[in-house]
Amino acid sequence: MITILETAPLNTIQDQGRPGYRNLGVGSSGVMDSLALEIGNILLGNAPEAACIELQTYPFVIRFDTPTSFAITGIEATLTLDDRPVLTWSVETAAPGQVLRVGIPKTGARAYICVEGGIDVPVVLGSRSTQLRGGFGGMDGRFLEAGDELATKPASASLSGYGAVPPARVLENQSGDGKTVLLRAVPGADYARFTPESRERFWDQGWRITPQSNRVGYRLSGTPLTLLERIELRSYGIIPGIVQVPPAGEPIVQLADANTAGGYPRIATVIEADLWRLSQARIGTSIRFVECSHKTGIAAQQPIDSYLDDLRLMVAHYRASCQSRNGTNSRGTA
């Protein structure tokens, strides 16, 4: 059991999402950074569908009321368990009564508190994710509040001392100057409807993530894009990554809580392999789109899959070593 002692708005229970209901007008929800959650679940030996706490606002303070193994992924930040510093991207086991404090991130925007066995809230339409618009899933479809109690599985062993190298350090670095996040994207279905100048500007200029951004989508600011002529499109299905351009000419990148349908012209789609990078970009960050083909977009998933396979092997080796030593811990890193 976990008790939330301090939280701000926007923090929710999420898992990998609620697929299969978009035709009924129900969005997928789920974590913004699916890679960070997958890493946390692998570290803890969880099923892929295990739920976590997604943090967007800080500080965040919880008390462990039962022995609990946990890992915090997604960010680099100051963490303390009682008064002892602990590392992100690493596994620790808390004793009953210990308090975990998550400070403001030094890098990254969203943190994921993963616990062994996952956060136990009711499954609604095949997922534990919070659907804020519909008001269901997670904790009654709302943000977490101080005083909330979350059911967890008691730790099966005292796990600690191993973790993962943050993916941004080992996967291909797309942000060449360290200040601008580069996102690979495939030209969209309505790409040819934009003027040649707008098409060129879409790729060449930097776009700033505005304060009007949220889990539904990131609104970008920059020199507006224009169409060859005004058009009215039939509504079409939307998935995370689609870049729409409303009449004002500044793009919106659809994200985890994206609408299920829309009608703005689609200039591009960010490839799935880069969505985690966008999800960890903060308000005010500059991003730039890099044109790529469908083939390149699909191939971009391979380094991520290899990273995750290596992590699974490391965790399996560590657990096997612990069992052979009758529970004595050793250190490992993938």
Protein backbone atom coordinates (compact mmCIF):
# COMPACT_ATOMS: atom_id res chain seq x y z
CA MET A 1 0.00 0.00 0.00
CA ILE A 2 1.14 3.54 -0.85
CA THR A 3 -0.23 6.73 0.71
CA ILE A 4 0.17 10.00 -1.20
CA LEU A 5 1.36 12.74 1.14
CA GLU A 6 1.99 15.61 -1.29
CA THR A 7 1.06 16.14 -4.92
CA ALA A 8 0.13 18.86 -7.39
CA PRO A 9 -2.41 18.60 -10.24
CA LEU A 10 -1.82 16.52 -13.41
CA ASN A 11 -0.37 13.40 -11.73
CA THR A 12 -2.29 10.24 -12.61
CA ILE A 13 -2.31 6.44 -12.74
CA GLN A 14 -1.39 5.20 -16.22
CA ASP A 15 -0.36 2.02 -18.02
CA GLN A 16 0.46 1.35 -21.67
CA GLY A 17 -3.02 2.47 -22.76
CA ARG A 18 -6.46 1.34 -23.79
CA PRO A 19 -6.36 0.19 -27.43
CA GLY A 20 -9.33 -1.07 -29.39
CA TYR A 21 -12.00 1.51 -28.53
CA ARG A 22 -11.17 4.50 -30.73
CA ASN A 23 -13.99 3.53 -33.11
CA LEU A 24 -16.34 4.10 -30.17
CA GLY A 25 -14.86 7.50 -29.38
CA VAL A 26 -12.71 6.31 -26.45
CA GLY A 27 -9.10 7.45 -26.67
CA SER A 28 -6.21 5.19 -25.71
CA SER A 29 -4.80 7.34 -22.87
CA GLY A 30 -1.78 5.61 -21.27
CA VAL A 31 1.65 6.98 -20.41
CA MET A 32 3.18 9.72 -22.50
CA ASP A 33 6.60 8.03 -22.43
CA SER A 34 5.88 4.36 -23.09
CA LEU A 35 9.59 3.50 -23.19
CA ALA A 36 10.17 4.75 -19.64
CA LEU A 37 7.31 2.62 -18.32
CA GLU A 38 8.51 -0.43 -20.22
CA ILE A 39 11.97 -0.03 -18.69
CA GLY A 40 10.53 0.29 -15.18
CA ASN A 41 8.38 -2.81 -15.59
CA ILE A 42 11.31 -4.84 -16.93
CA LEU A 43 13.51 -3.79 -13.99
CA LEU A 44 10.86 -4.97 -11.53
CA GLY A 45 9.89 -8.15 -13.36
CA ASN A 46 6.38 -6.84 -13.99
CA ALA A 47 3.96 -7.77 -16.75
CA PRO A 48 3.98 -5.25 -19.63
CA GLU A 49 0.47 -4.10 -18.70
CA ALA A 50 1.40 -3.17 -15.10
CA ALA A 51 0.30 0.36 -14.14
CA CYS A 52 2.41 3.14 -12.65
CA ILE A 53 2.15 6.70 -11.35
CA GLU A 54 2.89 9.28 -14.05
CA LEU A 55 4.22 12.56 -12.66
CA GLN A 56 3.99 15.85 -14.51
CA THR A 57 4.20 18.24 -11.53
CA TYR A 58 6.58 18.28 -8.59
CA PRO A 59 7.46 17.77 -5.78
CA PHE A 60 5.68 14.49 -5.18
CA VAL A 61 5.81 12.69 -1.84
CA ILE A 62 4.52 9.21 -0.92
CA ARG A 63 4.75 6.87 2.06
CA PHE A 64 5.20 3.14 1.64
CA ASP A 65 2.91 1.36 4.09
CA THR A 66 4.13 -2.12 3.14
CA PRO A 67 7.53 -3.37 1.90
CA THR A 68 7.64 -2.26 -1.74
CA SER A 69 10.23 -2.59 -4.50
CA PHE A 70 10.16 0.39 -6.85
CA ALA A 71 11.98 2.15 -9.70
CA ILE A 72 11.60 5.71 -10.99
CA THR A 73 12.24 6.24 -14.68
CA GLY A 74 11.81 9.01 -17.25
CA ILE A 75 13.76 11.80 -15.54
CA GLU A 76 16.95 12.71 -13.75
CA ALA A 77 16.07 14.29 -10.40
CA THR A 78 16.89 14.42 -6.71
CA LEU A 79 15.18 11.51 -4.93
CA THR A 80 15.26 10.70 -1.25
CA LEU A 81 13.95 7.69 0.65
CA ASP A 82 13.60 9.16 4.12
CA ASP A 83 16.87 11.12 4.21
CA ARG A 84 18.86 8.74 2.00
CA PRO A 85 19.49 9.69 -1.64
CA VAL A 86 18.39 7.10 -4.21
CA LEU A 87 18.95 6.95 -7.94
CA THR A 88 16.53 7.21 -10.80
CA TRP A 89 16.49 4.32 -13.29
CA SER A 90 17.41 1.96 -10.42
CA VAL A 91 15.58 -0.55 -8.23
CA GLU A 92 15.18 -0.01 -4.49
CA THR A 93 13.08 -1.66 -1.79
CA ALA A 94 11.32 0.52 0.78
CA ALA A 95 10.45 -0.61 4.29
CA PRO A 96 7.04 0.15 5.81
CA GLY A 97 6.81 3.79 6.87
CA GLN A 98 9.57 5.09 4.61
CA VAL A 99 8.84 8.28 2.68
CA LEU A 100 9.90 8.88 -0.92
CA ARG A 101 10.27 12.44 -2.19
CA VAL A 102 10.65 13.19 -5.92
CA GLY A 103 12.15 16.61 -6.60
CA ILE A 104 11.96 18.83 -9.67
CA PRO A 105 13.61 17.12 -12.67
CA LYS A 106 17.06 18.19 -13.80
CA THR A 107 16.38 16.59 -17.19
CA GLY A 108 13.16 15.24 -18.63
CA ALA A 109 9.59 16.28 -17.93
CA ARG A 110 7.66 13.17 -16.83
CA ALA A 111 8.59 10.66 -14.15
CA TYR A 112 7.22 7.15 -13.75
CA ILE A 113 6.98 5.58 -10.32
CA CYS A 114 6.87 1.86 -11.03
CA VAL A 115 6.34 -0.68 -8.24
CA GLU A 116 6.69 -4.44 -8.18
CA GLY A 117 3.39 -5.93 -9.33
CA GLY A 118 2.07 -2.57 -10.56
CA ILE A 119 -0.44 -0.13 -9.06
CA ASP A 120 -3.64 -2.06 -8.34
CA VAL A 121 -6.66 -0.07 -9.47
CA PRO A 122 -9.72 -1.48 -11.29
CA VAL A 123 -9.39 -2.44 -14.94
CA VAL A 124 -11.82 -0.45 -17.10
CA LEU A 125 -12.15 -1.36 -20.79
CA GLY A 126 -9.00 -3.43 -20.58
CA SER A 127 -6.77 -0.82 -18.94
CA ARG A 128 -5.98 0.84 -15.62
CA SER A 129 -5.11 4.15 -17.33
CA THR A 130 -6.80 7.36 -16.23
CA GLN A 131 -9.13 8.78 -18.89
CA LEU A 132 -9.53 12.35 -17.73
CA ARG A 133 -12.08 13.41 -20.33
CA GLY A 134 -14.30 10.42 -19.69
CA GLY A 135 -13.76 10.49 -15.93
CA PHE A 136 -12.91 6.82 -15.57
CA GLY A 137 -9.91 4.59 -14.97
CA GLY A 138 -7.11 5.16 -12.47
CA MET A 139 -8.43 6.82 -9.30
CA ASP A 140 -12.01 7.45 -10.37
CA GLY A 141 -10.85 9.14 -13.56
CA ARG A 142 -9.18 12.08 -11.78
CA PHE A 143 -5.81 13.48 -10.79
CA LEU A 144 -4.19 12.03 -7.70
CA GLU A 145 -4.74 13.86 -4.40
CA ALA A 146 -3.02 13.95 -1.04
CA GLY A 147 -4.49 11.22 1.14
CA ASP A 148 -5.12 8.78 -1.72
CA GLU A 149 -4.19 5.20 -0.87
CA LEU A 150 -2.97 2.95 -3.71
CA ALA A 151 -2.90 -0.81 -3.40
CA THR A 152 0.39 -2.48 -4.32
CA LYS A 153 1.89 -5.95 -4.16
CA PRO A 154 4.21 -6.52 -1.15
CA ALA A 155 7.84 -6.90 -2.22
CA SER A 156 8.71 -10.51 -2.97
CA ALA A 157 12.39 -9.88 -2.18
CA SER A 158 14.65 -7.06 -1.06
CA LEU A 159 15.71 -5.85 -4.50
CA SER A 160 18.26 -3.08 -4.89
CA GLY A 161 21.56 -2.15 -6.47
CA TYR A 162 20.79 -2.62 -10.16
CA GLY A 163 19.28 -0.48 -12.85
CA ALA A 164 19.27 0.71 -16.44
CA VAL A 165 21.30 3.30 -18.29
CA PRO A 166 18.82 6.04 -19.34
CA PRO A 167 17.92 5.47 -23.01
CA ALA A 168 18.86 9.03 -23.97
CA ARG A 169 22.48 8.16 -23.14
CA VAL A 170 22.73 5.03 -25.26
CA LEU A 171 20.24 5.37 -28.10
CA GLU A 172 21.11 7.45 -31.13
CA ASN A 173 21.15 11.10 -30.11
CA GLN A 174 18.79 13.05 -32.35
CA SER A 175 19.33 16.44 -30.69
CA GLY A 176 22.51 17.57 -32.40
CA ASP A 177 23.22 20.76 -30.42
CA GLY A 178 21.70 19.57 -27.14
CA LYS A 179 19.21 22.45 -27.17
CA THR A 180 16.81 21.42 -29.93
CA VAL A 181 14.97 18.11 -29.93
CA LEU A 182 15.02 16.59 -33.40
CA LEU A 183 12.02 14.44 -34.28
CA ARG A 184 11.85 12.22 -37.34
CA ALA A 185 8.55 12.51 -39.18
CA VAL A 186 6.90 11.14 -42.31
CA PRO A 187 5.03 13.57 -44.62
CA GLY A 188 1.31 13.34 -43.91
CA ALA A 189 -1.75 12.68 -46.04
CA ASP A 190 -2.33 16.41 -46.65
CA TYR A 191 1.31 17.40 -47.10
CA ALA A 192 0.83 18.40 -50.75
CA ARG A 193 -2.00 20.77 -49.81
CA PHE A 194 0.50 23.20 -48.24
CA THR A 195 2.43 25.78 -50.21
CA PRO A 196 6.00 24.85 -51.20
CA GLU A 197 7.30 27.56 -48.88
CA SER A 198 5.32 26.14 -45.95
CA ARG A 199 6.51 22.61 -46.62
CA GLU A 200 10.10 23.78 -46.60
CA ARG A 201 9.56 25.92 -43.50
CA PHE A 202 7.95 23.04 -41.61
CA TRP A 203 11.23 21.10 -41.76
CA ASP A 204 13.72 23.97 -41.57
CA GLN A 205 12.50 26.17 -38.76
CA GLY A 206 12.52 25.49 -35.03
CA TRP A 207 9.14 25.18 -33.31
CA ARG A 208 8.65 26.07 -29.65
CA ILE A 209 6.41 24.00 -27.34
CA THR A 210 3.88 26.47 -25.92
CA PRO A 211 2.27 26.58 -22.44
CA GLN A 212 -1.03 25.58 -24.07
CA SER A 213 0.35 22.03 -24.42
CA ASN A 214 -0.86 19.03 -22.43
CA ARG A 215 -1.41 15.25 -22.66
CA VAL A 216 -3.82 15.78 -25.57
CA GLY A 217 -1.20 17.44 -27.72
CA TYR A 218 1.73 19.82 -27.94
CA ARG A 219 0.86 23.17 -29.49
CA LEU A 220 3.81 24.69 -31.31
CA SER A 221 4.68 28.30 -32.08
CA GLY A 222 6.61 29.54 -35.09
CA THR A 223 6.04 31.21 -38.45
CA PRO A 224 2.57 29.97 -39.52
CA LEU A 225 2.09 27.49 -42.36
CA THR A 226 -0.35 28.18 -45.19
CA LEU A 227 -2.40 26.01 -47.53
CA LEU A 228 -2.57 26.32 -51.29
CA GLU A 229 -6.29 26.92 -50.88
CA ARG A 230 -8.88 26.73 -48.12
CA ILE A 231 -10.33 23.26 -47.69
CA GLU A 232 -12.79 21.41 -45.50
CA LEU A 233 -11.79 17.83 -44.81
CA ARG A 234 -13.90 14.91 -43.70
CA SER A 235 -13.13 13.82 -40.15
CA TYR A 236 -10.53 11.07 -39.91
CA GLY A 237 -9.08 8.86 -37.19
CA ILE A 238 -6.26 10.26 -35.08
CA ILE A 239 -3.35 8.53 -33.39
CA PRO A 240 -0.48 9.95 -31.31
CA GLY A 241 2.20 11.50 -33.48
CA ILE A 242 -0.06 13.05 -36.12
CA VAL A 243 0.85 16.70 -36.75
CA GLN A 244 -2.24 18.76 -37.54
CA VAL A 245 -2.31 22.36 -38.72
CA PRO A 246 -5.37 24.38 -37.60
CA PRO A 247 -6.44 27.57 -39.44
CA ALA A 248 -3.99 29.76 -37.48
CA GLY A 249 -1.15 27.84 -39.17
CA GLU A 250 0.77 26.67 -36.07
CA PRO A 251 1.02 22.87 -35.73
CA ILE A 252 -0.35 20.60 -33.00
CA VAL A 253 1.30 17.23 -32.36
CA GLN A 254 -1.27 14.76 -31.05
CA LEU A 255 -0.18 12.76 -27.98
CA ALA A 256 -1.47 10.16 -25.50
CA ASP A 257 -4.88 11.75 -24.82
CA ALA A 258 -5.42 12.67 -28.47
CA ASN A 259 -8.95 13.03 -29.78
CA THR A 260 -10.21 9.98 -31.64
CA ALA A 261 -11.12 11.99 -34.75
CA GLY A 262 -10.36 15.35 -36.29
CA GLY A 263 -10.40 17.33 -39.50
CA TYR A 264 -7.42 19.68 -39.58
CA PRO A 265 -4.94 19.09 -42.43
CA ARG A 266 -2.21 16.57 -41.58
CA ILE A 267 1.22 17.76 -42.62
CA ALA A 268 3.25 14.94 -41.05
CA THR A 269 3.40 12.14 -38.47
CA VAL A 270 6.18 11.81 -35.89
CA ILE A 271 7.51 8.24 -35.95
CA GLU A 272 6.65 6.06 -32.97
CA ALA A 273 10.32 5.53 -32.08
CA ASP A 274 10.71 9.27 -31.34
CA LEU A 275 7.51 9.95 -29.40
CA TRP A 276 9.22 9.27 -26.06
CA ARG A 277 11.69 12.07 -26.81
CA LEU A 278 8.86 14.51 -27.46
CA SER A 279 7.05 13.40 -24.29
CA GLN A 280 10.11 14.31 -22.22
CA ALA A 281 10.49 17.77 -23.79
CA ARG A 282 9.46 20.59 -21.49
CA ILE A 283 7.31 23.62 -22.19
CA GLY A 284 9.44 26.19 -24.03
CA THR A 285 11.69 23.58 -25.61
CA SER A 286 12.62 24.06 -29.27
CA ILE A 287 11.94 21.11 -31.58
CA ARG A 288 12.65 20.54 -35.25
CA PHE A 289 11.17 17.96 -37.57
CA VAL A 290 13.46 15.80 -39.72
CA GLU A 291 11.89 14.24 -42.81
CA CYS A 292 12.20 10.46 -43.10
CA SER A 293 10.59 7.62 -45.04
CA HIS A 294 8.19 4.97 -43.75
CA LYS A 295 11.00 2.43 -44.07
CA THR A 296 13.36 4.53 -41.98
CA GLY A 297 10.65 5.14 -39.41
CA ILE A 298 10.06 1.42 -38.96
CA ALA A 299 13.79 0.64 -38.82
CA ALA A 300 14.23 3.26 -36.07
CA GLN A 301 12.49 0.92 -33.63
CA GLN A 302 15.27 -1.68 -33.90
CA PRO A 303 17.81 0.04 -31.57
CA ILE A 304 15.08 0.46 -28.96
CA ASP A 305 14.14 -3.22 -29.18
CA SER A 306 17.80 -4.21 -28.83
CA TYR A 307 18.20 -1.97 -25.78
CA LEU A 308 15.15 -3.55 -24.13
CA ASP A 309 16.30 -7.09 -24.98
CA ASP A 310 19.68 -6.38 -23.36
CA LEU A 311 17.93 -5.02 -20.28
CA ARG A 312 15.75 -8.13 -19.97
CA LEU A 313 18.84 -10.34 -20.14
CA MET A 314 20.60 -8.30 -17.46
CA VAL A 315 17.62 -8.43 -15.11
CA ALA A 316 17.18 -12.18 -15.65
CA HIS A 317 20.90 -12.75 -14.93
CA TYR A 318 20.75 -10.60 -11.81
CA ARG A 319 17.71 -12.41 -10.41
CA ALA A 320 19.24 -15.81 -11.16
CA SER A 321 22.44 -14.74 -9.37
CA CYS A 322 20.43 -13.61 -6.35
CA GLN A 323 18.62 -16.95 -6.17
CA SER A 324 21.86 -18.91 -6.42
CA ARG A 325 23.33 -16.84 -3.58
CA ASN A 326 20.26 -17.33 -1.38
CA GLY A 327 19.12 -13.76 -1.79
CA THR A 328 22.47 -11.99 -1.56
CA ASN A 329 22.35 -8.92 -3.81
CA SER A 330 24.91 -8.04 -6.45
CA ARG A 331 25.16 -4.99 -8.66
CA GLY A 332 24.42 -4.80 -12.36
CA THR A 333 23.67 -2.25 -15.03
CA ALA A 334 22.32 -2.57 -18.56
